[in-house]
Protein backbone atom coordinates (compact mmCIF):
# COMPACT_ATOMS: atom_id res chain seq x y z
CA UNK A 1 -80.55 -4.71 10.78
CA UNK A 2 -79.82 -6.51 14.05
CA UNK A 3 -77.84 -9.12 12.14
CA UNK A 4 -76.05 -6.61 9.93
CA UNK A 5 -74.61 -4.60 12.87
CA UNK A 6 -72.44 -7.44 14.30
CA UNK A 7 -71.26 -8.33 10.78
CA UNK A 8 -70.24 -4.74 10.09
CA UNK A 9 -68.43 -4.54 13.41
CA UNK A 10 -66.58 -7.77 12.66
CA UNK A 11 -65.55 -6.43 9.21
CA UNK A 12 -64.18 -3.24 10.78
CA UNK A 13 -62.15 -5.27 13.24
CA UNK A 14 -60.63 -7.32 10.43
CA UNK A 15 -59.70 -4.25 8.41
CA UNK A 16 -58.41 -2.30 11.38
CA UNK A 17 -54.59 -2.10 11.39
CA UNK A 18 -52.64 -3.65 14.20
CA UNK A 19 -51.99 -0.22 15.68
CA UNK A 20 -54.58 -0.97 18.33
CA UNK A 21 -52.41 -3.89 19.45
CA UNK A 22 -49.30 -1.68 19.22
CA UNK A 23 -47.46 -0.22 16.21
CA UNK A 24 -44.41 2.08 16.19
CA UNK A 25 -45.05 5.72 15.36
CA UNK A 26 -44.82 6.59 11.65
CA UNK A 27 -44.74 2.87 10.73
CA UNK A 28 -47.52 1.04 8.93
CA UNK A 29 -48.76 -2.19 10.42
CA UNK A 30 -51.18 -4.53 8.71
CA UNK A 31 -51.82 -8.25 9.04
CA UNK A 32 -48.41 -9.73 10.04
CA UNK A 33 -46.31 -7.11 8.21
CA UNK A 34 -44.71 -3.93 9.58
CA UNK A 35 -43.28 -1.31 7.24
CA UNK A 36 -40.80 1.19 8.72
CA UNK A 37 -38.76 1.99 5.63
CA UNK A 38 -37.24 5.39 4.74
CA UNK A 39 -38.01 7.00 8.11
CA UNK A 40 -34.41 8.02 8.96
CA UNK A 41 -34.42 5.63 11.89
CA UNK A 42 -31.15 5.14 13.79
CA UNK A 43 -32.30 2.13 15.85
CA UNK A 44 -34.89 -0.59 15.54
CA UNK A 45 -38.12 1.06 16.76
CA UNK A 46 -39.87 -0.14 19.87
CA UNK A 47 -43.41 -1.41 19.94
CA UNK A 48 -43.30 -3.80 16.97
CA UNK A 49 -46.05 -6.40 17.46
CA UNK A 50 -44.62 -9.75 18.62
CA UNK A 51 -46.56 -11.64 15.96
CA UNK A 52 -44.87 -9.79 13.07
CA UNK A 53 -43.62 -12.12 10.35
CA UNK A 54 -42.29 -9.58 7.81
CA UNK A 55 -40.40 -6.47 8.90
CA UNK A 56 -39.24 -3.75 6.51
CA UNK A 57 -36.49 -1.51 7.92
CA UNK A 58 -34.75 -0.60 4.66
CA UNK A 59 -33.48 2.88 3.66
CA UNK A 60 -32.78 4.09 7.19
CA UNK A 61 -29.65 5.08 9.14
CA UNK A 62 -29.43 2.10 11.48
CA UNK A 63 -25.74 1.65 12.34
CA UNK A 64 -26.01 -1.06 14.99
CA UNK A 65 -28.40 -3.74 16.08
CA UNK A 66 -28.74 -3.17 19.80
CA UNK A 67 -28.67 -6.32 21.96
CA UNK A 68 -32.20 -7.55 22.44
CA UNK A 69 -33.69 -5.22 19.84
CA UNK A 70 -35.12 -8.17 17.92
CA UNK A 71 -35.67 -10.43 20.90
CA UNK A 72 -39.50 -10.06 21.05
CA UNK A 73 -39.86 -10.99 17.35
CA UNK A 74 -39.62 -14.75 17.60
CA UNK A 75 -42.17 -15.26 14.80
CA UNK A 76 -40.19 -13.23 12.26
CA UNK A 77 -39.85 -14.90 8.84
CA UNK A 78 -38.44 -12.10 6.67
CA UNK A 79 -36.23 -9.21 7.75
CA UNK A 80 -35.16 -6.47 5.34
CA UNK A 81 -32.32 -4.23 6.57
CA UNK A 82 -30.82 -3.21 3.22
CA UNK A 83 -29.56 0.33 2.55
CA UNK A 84 -28.65 1.12 6.14
CA UNK A 85 -25.35 1.93 7.88
CA UNK A 86 -24.61 -1.33 9.67
CA UNK A 87 -20.86 -1.66 10.32
CA UNK A 88 -20.77 -4.95 12.23
CA UNK A 89 -22.96 -7.82 13.37
CA UNK A 90 -22.62 -8.90 16.97
CA UNK A 91 -22.38 -12.59 17.75
CA UNK A 92 -25.89 -13.97 18.26
CA UNK A 93 -27.58 -10.87 16.84
CA UNK A 94 -30.35 -13.08 15.36
CA UNK A 95 -30.41 -15.78 17.99
CA UNK A 96 -34.07 -15.04 18.84
CA UNK A 97 -35.29 -15.57 15.23
CA UNK A 98 -35.18 -19.36 14.74
CA UNK A 99 -37.92 -19.17 12.06
CA UNK A 100 -36.25 -16.56 9.88
CA UNK A 101 -36.21 -17.58 6.20
CA UNK A 102 -34.87 -14.49 4.42
CA UNK A 103 -32.38 -11.86 5.63
CA UNK A 104 -31.42 -8.84 3.51
CA UNK A 105 -28.29 -6.93 4.56
CA UNK A 106 -27.43 -5.52 1.13
CA UNK A 107 -25.71 -2.12 0.76
CA UNK A 108 -24.55 -1.60 4.32
CA UNK A 109 -21.02 -0.91 5.58
CA UNK A 110 -20.07 -4.34 6.85
CA UNK A 111 -16.28 -4.79 6.78
CA UNK A 112 -16.18 -8.27 8.31
CA UNK A 113 -18.34 -11.06 9.64
CA UNK A 114 -17.59 -12.30 13.12
CA UNK A 115 -17.83 -15.92 14.05
CA UNK A 116 -21.27 -16.67 15.43
CA UNK A 117 -22.98 -13.72 13.71
CA UNK A 118 -25.60 -16.08 12.27
CA UNK A 119 -26.05 -18.36 15.26
CA UNK A 120 -29.67 -19.45 15.65
CA UNK A 121 -30.66 -19.11 11.96
CA UNK A 122 -30.99 -22.83 11.31
CA UNK A 123 -34.00 -22.26 8.99
CA UNK A 124 -32.53 -19.42 6.91
CA UNK A 125 -32.89 -19.97 3.15
CA UNK A 126 -31.69 -16.70 1.52
CA UNK A 127 -28.94 -14.35 2.72
CA UNK A 128 -28.17 -11.08 0.93
CA UNK A 129 -24.76 -9.55 1.71
CA UNK A 130 -24.07 -7.80 -1.59
CA UNK A 131 -22.78 -4.25 -1.82
CA UNK A 132 -20.91 -4.17 1.48
CA UNK A 133 -17.19 -3.69 2.23
CA UNK A 134 -16.26 -7.27 3.06
CA UNK A 135 -12.59 -8.00 2.36
CA UNK A 136 -12.07 -11.48 3.84
CA UNK A 137 -14.25 -14.47 4.54
CA UNK A 138 -12.71 -16.43 7.39
CA UNK A 139 -13.09 -20.10 8.20
CA UNK A 140 -16.52 -21.29 9.45
CA UNK A 141 -18.24 -17.93 8.89
CA UNK A 142 -21.46 -19.62 7.70
CA UNK A 143 -21.22 -22.76 9.79
CA UNK A 144 -24.61 -22.21 11.47
CA UNK A 145 -26.64 -22.01 8.22
CA UNK A 146 -27.19 -25.67 7.26
CA UNK A 147 -30.32 -24.98 5.15
CA UNK A 148 -29.13 -21.88 3.32
CA UNK A 149 -29.89 -22.10 -0.40
CA UNK A 150 -28.80 -18.68 -1.75
CA UNK A 151 -25.76 -16.65 -0.71
CA UNK A 152 -25.28 -13.30 -2.45
CA UNK A 153 -21.80 -11.84 -1.91
CA UNK A 154 -21.35 -9.84 -5.12
CA UNK A 155 -20.07 -6.24 -5.24
CA UNK A 156 -17.87 -6.47 -2.17
CA UNK A 157 -14.07 -6.22 -1.88
CA UNK A 158 -13.41 -9.86 -1.05
CA UNK A 159 -9.78 -10.73 -1.82
CA UNK A 160 -9.40 -13.82 0.38
CA UNK A 161 -11.70 -16.79 0.71
CA UNK A 162 -10.27 -19.19 3.27
CA UNK A 163 -10.51 -22.91 2.64
CA UNK A 164 -13.19 -23.50 5.30
CA UNK A 165 -15.10 -20.23 4.88
CA UNK A 166 -18.07 -22.01 3.25
CA UNK A 167 -18.02 -25.01 5.55
CA UNK A 168 -21.51 -26.13 6.61
CA UNK A 169 -23.33 -24.90 3.48
CA UNK A 170 -24.27 -28.36 2.27
CA UNK A 171 -27.67 -27.13 0.98
CA UNK A 172 -26.37 -24.10 -0.91
CA UNK A 173 -27.64 -23.96 -4.50
CA UNK A 174 -26.55 -20.44 -5.58
CA UNK A 175 -23.25 -18.71 -4.76
CA UNK A 176 -22.55 -15.28 -6.22
CA UNK A 177 -18.96 -14.04 -5.80
CA UNK A 178 -18.87 -11.78 -8.85
CA UNK A 179 -17.46 -8.23 -8.86
CA UNK A 180 -15.04 -8.71 -5.98
CA UNK A 181 -11.23 -8.65 -5.70
CA UNK A 182 -10.56 -12.37 -5.78
CA UNK A 183 -7.25 -13.32 -7.36
CA UNK A 184 -7.48 -17.04 -6.66
CA UNK A 185 -9.75 -19.63 -5.10
CA UNK A 186 -8.91 -23.11 -3.84
CA UNK A 187 -10.60 -26.37 -4.63
CA UNK A 188 -11.06 -26.93 -0.89
CA UNK A 189 -13.16 -23.78 -0.58
CA UNK A 190 -15.88 -25.18 -2.88
CA UNK A 191 -15.80 -28.78 -1.68
CA UNK A 192 -18.50 -28.32 1.05
CA UNK A 193 -21.02 -27.13 -1.58
CA UNK A 194 -22.49 -30.51 -2.44
CA UNK A 195 -25.81 -29.05 -3.72
CA UNK A 196 -24.39 -26.15 -5.76
CA UNK A 197 -26.25 -25.41 -8.99
CA UNK A 198 -25.27 -21.82 -9.87
CA UNK A 199 -21.78 -20.33 -9.42
CA UNK A 200 -20.85 -16.77 -10.43
CA UNK A 201 -17.17 -15.79 -10.43
CA UNK A 202 -16.97 -13.13 -13.14
CA UNK A 203 -15.44 -9.63 -12.87
CA UNK A 204 -12.66 -10.54 -10.48
CA UNK A 205 -8.94 -9.81 -11.04
CA UNK A 206 -7.98 -13.46 -11.44
CA UNK A 207 -4.29 -14.36 -11.22
CA UNK A 208 -3.85 -17.13 -13.75
CA UNK A 209 -1.08 -19.28 -12.31
CA UNK A 210 -0.69 -22.87 -11.21
CA UNK A 211 -3.12 -22.32 -8.31
CA UNK A 212 -6.01 -21.92 -10.80
CA UNK A 213 -5.09 -24.96 -12.86
CA UNK A 214 -7.77 -26.98 -11.10
CA UNK A 215 -10.52 -24.40 -11.80
CA UNK A 216 -10.01 -24.46 -15.55
CA UNK A 217 -9.92 -28.25 -15.61
CA UNK A 218 -12.99 -28.47 -13.33
CA UNK A 219 -15.04 -26.16 -15.53
CA UNK A 220 -14.10 -28.07 -18.68
CA UNK A 221 -14.83 -31.45 -17.13
CA UNK A 222 -18.17 -30.90 -15.39
CA UNK A 223 -18.44 -27.46 -13.87
CA UNK A 224 -19.98 -25.94 -16.97
CA UNK A 225 -23.39 -26.97 -15.76
CA UNK A 226 -22.98 -24.47 -12.90
CA UNK A 227 -22.01 -21.57 -15.15
CA UNK A 228 -24.04 -19.71 -17.71
CA UNK A 229 -22.39 -18.64 -20.96
CA UNK A 230 -21.69 -15.24 -19.39
CA UNK A 231 -20.34 -16.71 -16.16
CA UNK A 232 -17.81 -18.83 -18.05
CA UNK A 233 -15.86 -15.70 -19.06
CA UNK A 234 -13.36 -15.82 -16.22
CA UNK A 235 -10.79 -13.31 -17.44
CA UNK A 236 -7.16 -13.23 -16.35
CA UNK A 237 -5.73 -10.03 -14.88
CA UNK A 238 -2.25 -11.40 -14.07
CA UNK A 239 0.42 -12.09 -15.22
CA UNK A 240 0.63 -9.36 -17.90
CA UNK A 241 1.29 -11.86 -20.69
CA UNK A 242 -2.11 -13.49 -19.99
CA UNK A 243 -4.09 -10.34 -19.22
CA UNK A 244 -7.58 -10.13 -20.77
CA UNK A 245 -7.49 -13.79 -21.79
CA UNK A 246 -10.14 -16.26 -20.70
CA UNK A 247 -8.98 -18.88 -18.24
CA UNK A 248 -10.59 -21.55 -20.41
CA UNK A 249 -8.45 -20.47 -23.39
CA UNK A 250 -5.13 -20.60 -21.54
CA UNK A 251 -3.14 -23.80 -21.86
CA UNK A 252 -2.13 -25.68 -18.73
CA UNK A 253 1.54 -25.18 -19.49
CA UNK A 254 1.06 -21.40 -19.28
CA UNK A 255 -0.31 -21.55 -15.74
CA UNK A 256 3.02 -21.51 -13.94
CA UNK A 257 4.32 -20.60 -10.50
CA UNK A 258 7.81 -19.63 -9.40
CA UNK A 259 8.77 -21.30 -6.08
CA UNK A 260 9.78 -18.84 -3.37
CA UNK A 261 13.32 -17.99 -2.36
CA UNK A 262 14.12 -16.54 1.06
CA UNK A 263 16.96 -14.31 2.20
CA UNK A 264 17.78 -13.41 5.80
CA UNK A 265 20.84 -11.33 6.65
CA UNK A 266 22.60 -11.93 8.97
CA UNK A 267 21.94 -15.57 9.76
CA UNK A 268 23.27 -15.24 13.31
CA UNK A 269 23.26 -12.25 15.61
CA UNK A 270 24.31 -11.51 19.17
CA UNK A 271 22.24 -9.04 21.17
CA UNK A 272 22.53 -7.58 24.65
CA UNK A 273 19.90 -7.74 27.33
CA UNK A 274 17.26 -5.01 27.04
CA UNK A 275 17.95 -4.15 23.42
CA UNK A 276 15.42 -4.04 20.58
CA UNK A 277 16.05 -6.03 17.44
CA UNK A 278 14.64 -6.17 13.92
CA UNK A 279 15.45 -8.94 11.48
CA UNK A 280 14.22 -8.71 7.90
CA UNK A 281 13.15 -11.72 5.89
CA UNK A 282 12.91 -10.98 2.18
CA UNK A 283 11.10 -13.39 -0.10
CA UNK A 284 10.58 -13.50 -3.84
CA UNK A 285 8.54 -15.72 -6.13
CA UNK A 286 5.31 -15.83 -8.13
CA UNK A 287 2.71 -15.48 -6.86
CA UNK A 288 4.00 -13.26 -4.05
CA UNK A 289 4.94 -15.61 -1.20
CA UNK A 290 3.33 -15.55 2.22
CA UNK A 291 6.06 -15.02 4.84
CA UNK A 292 5.88 -16.52 8.33
CA UNK A 293 8.30 -16.19 11.26
CA UNK A 294 8.29 -18.78 14.02
CA UNK A 295 10.58 -19.87 16.81
CA UNK A 296 11.75 -23.46 16.68
CA UNK A 297 10.72 -25.12 19.97
CA UNK A 298 13.55 -26.18 22.26
CA UNK A 299 13.90 -29.86 23.14
CA UNK A 300 13.89 -29.05 26.85
CA UNK A 301 10.51 -28.54 28.46
CA UNK A 302 9.67 -25.94 31.01
CA UNK A 303 11.81 -23.30 29.37
CA UNK A 304 10.15 -19.87 29.26
CA UNK A 305 8.92 -18.82 25.86
CA UNK A 306 9.43 -15.37 24.46
CA UNK A 307 7.00 -13.30 22.55
CA UNK A 308 7.85 -11.54 19.34
CA UNK A 309 5.95 -9.07 17.32
CA UNK A 310 5.66 -9.20 13.58
CA UNK A 311 4.95 -5.93 11.86
CA UNK A 312 1.27 -5.99 11.08
CA UNK A 313 0.42 -8.74 13.56
CA UNK A 314 1.47 -10.75 16.58
CA UNK A 315 3.76 -13.72 16.37
CA UNK A 316 3.68 -16.27 19.16
CA UNK A 317 7.00 -17.99 19.40
CA UNK A 318 5.63 -21.08 21.03
CA UNK A 319 4.39 -22.62 17.83
CA UNK A 320 1.78 -20.07 16.76
CA UNK A 321 2.60 -17.87 13.80
CA UNK A 322 1.49 -14.85 11.83
CA UNK A 323 2.28 -13.84 8.30
CA UNK A 324 3.02 -10.87 6.12
CA UNK A 325 2.85 -10.74 2.35
CA UNK A 326 6.11 -10.16 0.51
CA UNK A 327 8.51 -9.70 3.39
CA UNK A 328 8.25 -10.14 7.15
CA UNK A 329 10.02 -8.16 9.82
CA UNK A 330 10.75 -9.98 13.07
CA UNK A 331 10.68 -7.43 15.85
CA UNK A 332 11.96 -8.32 19.32
CA UNK A 333 11.67 -5.70 22.03
CA UNK A 334 13.44 -5.65 25.41
CA UNK A 335 15.45 -8.77 24.70
CA UNK A 336 15.75 -11.31 27.51
CA UNK A 337 17.43 -14.70 27.78
CA UNK A 338 14.17 -16.34 26.71
CA UNK A 339 14.54 -14.79 23.25
CA UNK A 340 17.73 -16.72 22.55
CA UNK A 341 17.41 -19.68 20.25
CA UNK A 342 16.71 -20.74 16.70
CA UNK A 343 14.13 -19.01 14.53
CA UNK A 344 12.82 -19.88 11.12
CA UNK A 345 11.50 -17.72 8.30
CA UNK A 346 9.22 -19.57 5.90
CA UNK A 347 7.90 -18.30 2.57
CA UNK A 348 5.20 -20.25 0.73
CA UNK A 349 3.07 -19.90 -2.37
CA UNK A 350 1.29 -22.22 -4.76
CA UNK A 351 4.66 -23.25 -6.20
CA UNK A 352 6.12 -24.52 -2.94
CA UNK A 353 7.80 -23.39 0.28
CA UNK A 354 11.27 -22.35 1.41
CA UNK A 355 12.75 -21.91 4.89
CA UNK A 356 15.82 -20.14 6.23
CA UNK A 357 17.05 -20.54 9.84
CA UNK A 358 18.18 -17.65 11.99
CA UNK A 359 19.95 -17.94 15.34
CA UNK A 360 19.85 -15.32 18.07
CA UNK A 361 22.45 -15.28 20.82
CA UNK A 362 21.87 -13.17 23.92
CA UNK A 363 24.73 -11.76 25.97
CA UNK A 364 23.85 -12.72 29.53
CA UNK A 365 25.77 -9.84 31.14
CA UNK A 366 24.15 -6.49 30.68
CA UNK A 367 26.88 -4.14 29.47
CA UNK A 368 27.23 -0.96 31.51
CA UNK A 369 28.98 1.98 29.86
CA UNK A 370 32.06 3.17 31.74
CA UNK A 371 31.80 6.73 33.01
CA UNK A 372 35.03 8.75 32.54
CA UNK A 373 36.20 11.13 35.25
CA UNK A 374 35.65 14.19 33.09
CA UNK A 375 33.47 13.35 30.12
CA UNK A 376 34.15 15.51 27.08
CA UNK A 377 31.39 17.86 25.98
CA UNK A 378 29.06 16.37 23.36
CA UNK A 379 29.75 17.37 19.79
CA UNK A 380 27.42 19.97 18.39
CA UNK A 381 24.84 18.72 15.96
CA UNK A 382 22.59 20.69 13.58
CA UNK A 383 19.21 21.36 15.15
CA UNK A 384 16.38 19.15 14.00
CA UNK A 385 18.71 16.45 12.66
CA UNK A 386 18.67 12.99 14.15
CA UNK A 387 21.98 11.11 14.48
CA UNK A 388 22.39 8.38 11.88
CA UNK A 389 23.20 4.76 12.78
CA UNK A 390 26.86 3.97 13.22
CA UNK A 391 28.35 1.22 11.13
CA UNK A 392 29.19 -0.88 14.17
CA UNK A 393 25.96 -0.33 16.08
CA UNK A 394 23.41 -3.06 16.63
CA UNK A 395 20.72 -1.10 14.78
CA UNK A 396 22.87 -0.72 11.65
CA UNK A 397 23.97 -4.36 11.64
CA UNK A 398 20.37 -5.46 12.00
CA UNK A 399 19.48 -3.67 8.78
CA UNK A 400 19.29 -5.66 5.59
CA UNK A 401 22.09 -5.72 3.03
CA UNK A 402 20.06 -3.64 0.57
CA UNK A 403 19.36 -0.98 3.20
CA UNK A 404 23.04 -0.75 4.20
CA UNK A 405 24.05 -0.40 0.54
CA UNK A 406 21.47 2.35 0.02
CA UNK A 407 22.79 4.29 3.04
CA UNK A 408 26.39 4.03 1.79
CA UNK A 409 25.37 5.16 -1.71
CA UNK A 410 23.51 8.16 -0.27
CA UNK A 411 26.59 9.22 1.75
CA UNK A 412 28.82 8.92 -1.34
CA UNK A 413 26.34 10.96 -3.38
CA UNK A 414 26.34 13.73 -0.79
CA UNK A 415 30.15 13.85 -0.78
CA UNK A 416 30.26 14.05 -4.58
CA UNK A 417 27.71 16.86 -4.58
CA UNK A 418 29.79 18.82 -2.07
CA UNK A 419 32.94 18.44 -4.24
CA UNK A 420 31.06 19.67 -7.31
CA UNK A 421 29.80 22.73 -5.43
CA UNK A 422 33.35 23.60 -4.27
CA UNK A 423 34.66 23.25 -7.84
CA UNK A 424 31.93 25.55 -9.20
CA UNK A 425 32.64 28.20 -6.57
CA UNK A 426 36.40 28.17 -7.33
CA UNK A 427 35.73 28.41 -11.07
CA UNK A 428 33.48 31.43 -10.65
CA UNK A 429 36.07 33.20 -8.51
CA UNK A 430 38.76 32.69 -11.17
CA UNK A 431 36.47 34.09 -13.84
CA UNK A 432 35.75 37.18 -11.77
CA UNK A 433 39.49 37.84 -11.18
CA UNK A 434 40.21 37.47 -14.87
CA UNK A 435 37.31 39.78 -15.81
CA UNK A 436 38.53 42.61 -13.57
CA UNK A 437 42.01 42.99 -15.23
CA UNK A 438 44.54 45.77 -14.41
CA UNK A 439 43.51 49.40 -13.87
CA UNK A 440 43.03 51.40 -17.03
CA UNK A 441 41.88 48.48 -19.06
CA UNK A 442 38.86 50.45 -20.11
CA UNK A 443 40.90 52.21 -22.83
CA UNK A 444 42.59 50.38 -25.67
CA UNK A 445 45.69 52.03 -27.19
CA UNK A 446 46.93 51.53 -30.75
CA UNK A 447 49.48 53.48 -32.76
CA UNK A 448 48.64 55.81 -35.59
CA UNK A 449 48.84 54.64 -39.14
CA UNK A 450 52.23 56.42 -39.61
CA UNK A 451 54.17 53.18 -39.12
CA UNK A 452 51.73 51.04 -40.94
CA UNK A 453 48.08 50.35 -40.24
CA UNK A 454 46.91 47.63 -37.90
CA UNK A 455 44.69 45.20 -39.71
CA UNK A 456 41.09 44.59 -38.65
CA UNK A 457 42.02 41.06 -37.79
CA UNK A 458 44.61 42.38 -35.33
CA UNK A 459 42.05 44.66 -33.78
CA UNK A 460 39.68 41.73 -33.47
CA UNK A 461 42.40 39.76 -31.73
CA UNK A 462 43.03 42.58 -29.29
CA UNK A 463 39.35 42.92 -28.66
CA UNK A 464 38.96 39.25 -27.96
CA UNK A 465 41.86 39.23 -25.49
CA UNK A 466 40.74 42.35 -23.68
CA UNK A 467 37.09 41.56 -23.70
CA UNK A 468 35.98 45.00 -25.02
CA UNK A 469 34.37 46.23 -28.18
CA UNK A 470 35.83 49.09 -30.32
CA UNK A 471 33.56 51.63 -31.90
CA UNK A 472 35.56 54.58 -33.29
CA UNK A 473 39.04 56.13 -33.11
CA UNK A 474 38.96 59.80 -32.12
CA UNK A 475 42.00 61.18 -34.00
CA UNK A 476 41.41 64.74 -32.80
CA UNK A 477 42.14 63.86 -29.19
CA UNK A 478 45.66 62.55 -28.59
CA UNK A 479 45.95 60.62 -25.39
CA UNK A 480 49.67 61.32 -24.88
CA UNK A 481 50.84 64.70 -26.11
CA UNK A 482 54.46 64.62 -24.98
CA UNK A 483 55.63 61.05 -25.31
CA UNK A 484 55.13 58.30 -27.81
CA UNK A 485 52.69 55.58 -27.20
CA UNK A 486 53.66 51.97 -27.09
CA UNK A 487 52.26 50.15 -30.02
CA UNK A 488 50.61 46.81 -29.55
CA UNK A 489 52.78 43.84 -30.06
CA UNK A 490 50.53 42.57 -32.84
CA UNK A 491 51.10 45.64 -35.02
CA UNK A 492 54.61 45.57 -36.54
CA UNK A 493 56.29 48.20 -38.74
CA UNK A 494 54.89 48.95 -42.17
CA UNK A 495 55.92 46.68 -44.97
CA UNK A 496 58.91 48.04 -46.92
CA UNK A 497 60.28 50.42 -44.26
CA UNK A 498 64.05 50.22 -44.03
CA UNK A 499 66.08 50.27 -40.86
CA UNK A 500 67.68 53.67 -41.72
CA UNK A 501 64.44 55.41 -42.65
CA UNK A 502 63.40 58.10 -40.19
CA UNK A 503 59.93 57.39 -38.98
CA UNK A 504 57.83 60.09 -37.31
CA UNK A 505 57.05 59.41 -33.70
CA UNK A 506 53.81 57.50 -33.24
CA UNK A 507 50.81 59.23 -31.81
CA UNK A 508 48.39 57.44 -29.54
CA UNK A 509 44.67 58.03 -29.71
CA UNK A 510 41.85 57.02 -27.38
CA UNK A 511 39.51 54.31 -28.42
CA UNK A 512 36.18 54.49 -26.63
CA UNK A 513 34.92 51.19 -25.42
């Protein structure tokens, strides 16, 4: 019994959870594993044992990894944060986990990955990023993961994979980019993947043009070993003539691009100091060109450089540039002498590039409006209506040719509508005057049948001219007792009556209308 007591005590100590050494409330701690899943946590709980190697934090409401929250967990090997509400990863968020092998961030709300988010994870082997809201993968995003073997990026909204986004992943064996919004991918983007064994690209809206010519040829030549039979079904979504066709079944001659063409109007413009200016650059081509504005550097050094703003982003005129898909709008505010010079709009796609120069001249003297002795009162304007641009104003001249044409067409349409309304009003007034007629038109007078009957056709003619209907002739009620009634012009004398025959005086009767 004396020997059994220490053995029993030792067994109890081995089976006792790590709570004695410290375990967060409501979590379960055993061996080197801590389970804190589905506890509605909003932050990483405090009190996790420093020796923990596996940490489960899935199915919670964690929206942000607080700085230093994981700092005590230097021995961590596996971290599961899937099904949370993470929106961003701070730079160096996992710097204190140099031994981490597996990181699960699936089904969060990540919209982007900042540079340096994975700094310190030199030993990481598996990274799960599926089911997030990632739209772009920028250059050198995974640069600090030299030993990563699996990268799961499926079920995101990735539409752009920059050429150096996968730089540094020389050990990557599996890359899953399926079920995203990728329209194209460059050969340069996959070049760093020297150890790649599995590639998944299915269920993307691929744009089958000349930019994907290399992918079809690469798969046919040697890339098939990386794709399963299901993964080889890379279906085209554009252009419409190739929709729902497999990239491998499309001939090389059908993968075409249309080089871009650029239009800037006007090509030269003079502005005054302090004004704002917009210049539109319209580009066309297939695929849709990428438009870039830049200022051509001046040969003289030491000249001040202006700053311009491109709608949707900043444009540095000292050599840096920004871009806008389809068409770019160069916006210059509070123009100074430094803005003067030569600009260049460039449009590029897989089919080539095109450039159009634009020159801006700045009037050095700020124009001051002359004040008259007695300024006339301003013309009244309908309330709530903004004044339109004048044809000679800087704002109107800065508009594109298509916009100016649209404004002129709208003005002409309004004028035509007004003329039609005036014509309709005049027509209605004429109809009303004609409908009224002279007084007494409510009764229709015809002669008696003594001088020959009026035919029904004549009565119909009279009815149509007068606009009334006849129902019955009341012969017992003469309308004129003393004098004869004037017969209608349509009713002549009876057939066969001679000029010397005495005809009784006609009697007029009332016809009720």
